Amino acid sequence: MTSHILVALALLAFASFALASDPNPLQDFCVALNDTKLDGVFVNGKFCKDPKLATAEDFFFSGLNIPGNTSNQLGSVVTFANVAQIPGPNTFGVSLVRLDYAPNGLIPPHTHPRASEILTKAVAFAGLSSQNPGVITIANSVLGSNPPISDYVLAIALQVDKKVVDYLQAEFKMDIN
């Protein structure tokens, strides 16, 4: 009796199968358009260009070969290459940046809320796992926030005197992004 049940289950397992498909599969790419008056496919916050009208220029950006101006307070500059500069990879979920440093220049500690970052210092490029990674500079968000974080809270959190907090907050009133 038990063997008949096992044979029946085995036959059912081999005999049952399912076929599934999407009758309207996603397209391979969506070249972003900035025109908000269009009716059409809307992917990742951008309207898509008709794929038949895509050109090589939609996937090309020449700005990463040009050194940026590092004569600023940080001694650095970031050149972005994301969907705003290269509309072709709209749905690829990637972006690049070129980092230029003056001697003793730096990129302040930061985080990307919508991405992971891979930095290749040898060539000063970073790859991000998002087409629009965003950036939050830590010092600005803590010391230059609007509305400001309480001096009392910052003095305790940073374990410094309130005068030091006041000085640092005054330094971060400027925009360094």
Protein backbone atom coordinates (compact mmCIF):
# COMPACT_ATOMS: atom_id res chain seq x y z
CA MET A 1 0.00 0.00 0.00
CA THR A 2 2.78 2.43 0.95
CA SER A 3 4.67 1.63 -2.25
CA HIS A 4 1.56 2.46 -4.34
CA ILE A 5 1.30 5.86 -2.65
CA LEU A 6 5.01 6.57 -3.26
CA VAL A 7 4.70 5.55 -6.92
CA ALA A 8 1.61 7.76 -7.32
CA LEU A 9 3.40 10.74 -5.72
CA ALA A 10 6.45 10.19 -7.92
CA LEU A 11 4.29 10.07 -11.05
CA LEU A 12 2.50 13.26 -10.00
CA ALA A 13 5.81 14.99 -9.34
CA PHE A 14 7.15 14.11 -12.79
CA ALA A 15 3.89 14.67 -14.63
CA SER A 16 3.09 18.09 -13.22
CA PHE A 17 4.77 21.11 -14.71
CA ALA A 18 3.93 24.74 -15.19
CA LEU A 19 4.70 27.19 -17.92
CA ALA A 20 4.85 30.85 -17.09
CA SER A 21 5.86 33.87 -19.10
CA ASP A 22 5.29 37.56 -19.22
CA PRO A 23 3.33 38.44 -22.37
CA ASN A 24 4.84 41.95 -22.22
CA PRO A 25 8.49 41.56 -21.13
CA LEU A 26 10.51 44.54 -19.97
CA GLN A 27 12.72 46.25 -22.49
CA ASP A 28 16.51 45.92 -22.22
CA PHE A 29 17.16 49.62 -21.73
CA CYS A 30 15.37 52.91 -21.24
CA VAL A 31 17.18 55.99 -22.53
CA ALA A 32 16.08 58.73 -20.16
CA LEU A 33 14.32 61.84 -21.43
CA ASN A 34 13.91 65.01 -19.37
CA ASP A 35 10.66 66.02 -21.05
CA THR A 36 7.90 65.86 -18.43
CA LYS A 37 5.11 66.51 -20.95
CA LEU A 38 5.39 63.11 -22.59
CA ASP A 39 3.02 60.21 -22.49
CA GLY A 40 4.95 57.01 -22.43
CA VAL A 41 6.94 54.58 -20.38
CA PHE A 42 8.14 56.04 -17.08
CA VAL A 43 11.06 54.11 -15.52
CA ASN A 44 13.26 55.11 -12.56
CA GLY A 45 11.80 58.59 -12.49
CA LYS A 46 12.42 59.32 -16.18
CA PHE A 47 10.41 58.98 -19.36
CA CYS A 48 11.91 56.56 -21.88
CA LYS A 49 12.99 57.47 -25.36
CA ASP A 50 11.56 55.21 -28.05
CA PRO A 51 14.19 52.41 -28.21
CA LYS A 52 14.19 52.62 -32.01
CA LEU A 53 15.45 56.23 -31.70
CA ALA A 54 18.37 55.44 -29.33
CA THR A 55 21.81 56.46 -30.57
CA ALA A 56 25.39 55.82 -29.46
CA GLU A 57 25.46 59.37 -28.04
CA ASP A 58 22.85 58.31 -25.48
CA PHE A 59 25.50 56.02 -23.94
CA PHE A 60 28.53 58.34 -24.20
CA PHE A 61 29.99 60.96 -21.83
CA SER A 62 33.33 62.64 -22.40
CA GLY A 63 33.56 64.59 -19.14
CA LEU A 64 35.42 61.96 -17.13
CA ASN A 65 38.64 62.63 -19.00
CA ILE A 66 38.74 66.31 -18.02
CA PRO A 67 40.47 67.24 -14.73
CA GLY A 68 38.25 69.29 -12.43
CA ASN A 69 39.09 72.56 -10.69
CA THR A 70 40.40 71.75 -7.20
CA SER A 71 41.03 75.34 -6.09
CA ASN A 72 38.42 75.35 -3.34
CA GLN A 73 38.37 74.92 0.43
CA LEU A 74 38.47 71.11 0.25
CA GLY A 75 41.08 70.87 -2.50
CA SER A 76 38.92 68.42 -4.42
CA VAL A 77 36.16 68.19 -6.98
CA VAL A 78 33.77 65.43 -7.98
CA THR A 79 32.66 65.05 -11.61
CA PHE A 80 29.43 63.05 -11.87
CA ALA A 81 28.51 60.68 -14.67
CA ASN A 82 25.02 59.44 -13.87
CA VAL A 83 21.68 59.36 -15.67
CA ALA A 84 21.63 63.18 -15.79
CA GLN A 85 24.81 63.19 -17.91
CA ILE A 86 24.45 59.80 -19.65
CA PRO A 87 20.77 59.07 -20.35
CA GLY A 88 21.33 55.64 -21.92
CA PRO A 89 22.05 53.57 -18.80
CA ASN A 90 18.86 54.79 -17.07
CA THR A 91 17.79 51.31 -16.00
CA PHE A 92 21.26 49.83 -15.48
CA GLY A 93 21.49 51.02 -11.86
CA VAL A 94 25.02 52.41 -12.10
CA SER A 95 26.84 55.72 -12.04
CA LEU A 96 30.46 56.83 -12.03
CA VAL A 97 32.34 59.77 -10.56
CA ARG A 98 35.78 61.18 -11.19
CA LEU A 99 37.59 62.42 -8.10
CA ASP A 100 40.27 65.10 -8.50
CA TYR A 101 42.49 66.10 -5.57
CA ALA A 102 44.90 68.96 -5.07
CA PRO A 103 47.91 68.19 -2.81
CA ASN A 104 46.44 67.56 0.67
CA GLY A 105 42.91 67.77 -0.76
CA LEU A 106 40.17 65.50 0.47
CA ILE A 107 36.65 64.30 -0.09
CA PRO A 108 34.85 64.67 3.26
CA PRO A 109 33.37 61.61 4.97
CA HIS A 110 30.01 60.91 3.39
CA THR A 111 27.43 58.26 2.69
CA HIS A 112 25.25 57.40 -0.29
CA PRO A 113 21.74 56.61 0.95
CA ARG A 114 20.70 54.79 -2.23
CA ALA A 115 23.92 53.05 -3.27
CA SER A 116 27.09 51.19 -2.46
CA GLU A 117 30.36 52.72 -3.57
CA ILE A 118 33.49 51.13 -4.96
CA LEU A 119 36.52 53.41 -5.01
CA THR A 120 39.53 52.75 -7.20
CA LYS A 121 42.15 55.16 -5.90
CA ALA A 122 44.73 54.27 -8.50
CA VAL A 123 42.75 56.04 -11.18
CA ALA A 124 40.59 58.17 -8.85
CA PHE A 125 37.25 56.81 -10.04
CA ALA A 126 34.33 55.51 -8.02
CA GLY A 127 31.55 53.25 -9.18
CA LEU A 128 28.16 53.39 -7.51
CA SER A 129 25.40 50.81 -7.56
CA SER A 130 22.68 53.31 -8.37
CA GLN A 131 21.88 55.70 -11.17
CA ASN A 132 21.06 58.36 -8.56
CA PRO A 133 23.00 57.50 -5.39
CA GLY A 134 22.56 60.78 -3.53
CA VAL A 135 25.19 62.00 -1.08
CA ILE A 136 25.11 63.04 2.55
CA THR A 137 28.26 64.76 3.83
CA ILE A 138 28.60 63.78 7.47
CA ALA A 139 30.10 67.03 8.79
CA ASN A 140 27.47 69.13 6.98
CA SER A 141 24.60 67.01 8.21
CA VAL A 142 25.79 67.17 11.83
CA LEU A 143 27.39 70.61 12.15
CA GLY A 144 25.65 72.54 9.36
CA SER A 145 22.14 71.12 9.63
CA ASN A 146 19.10 73.34 9.20
CA PRO A 147 17.49 73.53 11.69
CA PRO A 148 20.66 73.14 13.74
CA ILE A 149 21.19 70.31 16.19
CA SER A 150 21.30 71.58 19.78
CA ASP A 151 24.75 72.78 20.95
CA TYR A 152 24.16 70.86 24.16
CA VAL A 153 23.47 67.60 22.32
CA LEU A 154 26.49 68.03 20.02
CA ALA A 155 28.84 68.93 22.90
CA ILE A 156 27.89 65.74 24.71
CA ALA A 157 27.86 63.54 21.58
CA LEU A 158 31.25 64.83 20.34
CA GLN A 159 32.64 65.07 23.90
CA VAL A 160 33.87 68.62 23.42
CA ASP A 161 33.17 72.00 25.02
CA LYS A 162 30.17 74.02 23.78
CA LYS A 163 32.58 76.72 22.50
CA VAL A 164 34.15 74.15 20.18
CA VAL A 165 30.69 73.22 18.89
CA ASP A 166 29.85 76.89 18.31
CA TYR A 167 33.10 77.36 16.37
CA LEU A 168 32.54 74.25 14.25
CA GLN A 169 28.92 75.17 13.49
CA ALA A 170 30.04 78.62 12.33
CA GLU A 171 32.53 76.96 9.97
CA PHE A 172 29.83 74.78 8.42
CA LYS A 173 27.34 77.56 7.67
CA MET A 174 28.93 77.68 4.21
CA ASP A 175 27.96 75.27 1.46
CA ILE A 176 30.80 72.87 0.65
CA ASN A 177 28.85 70.39 -1.49
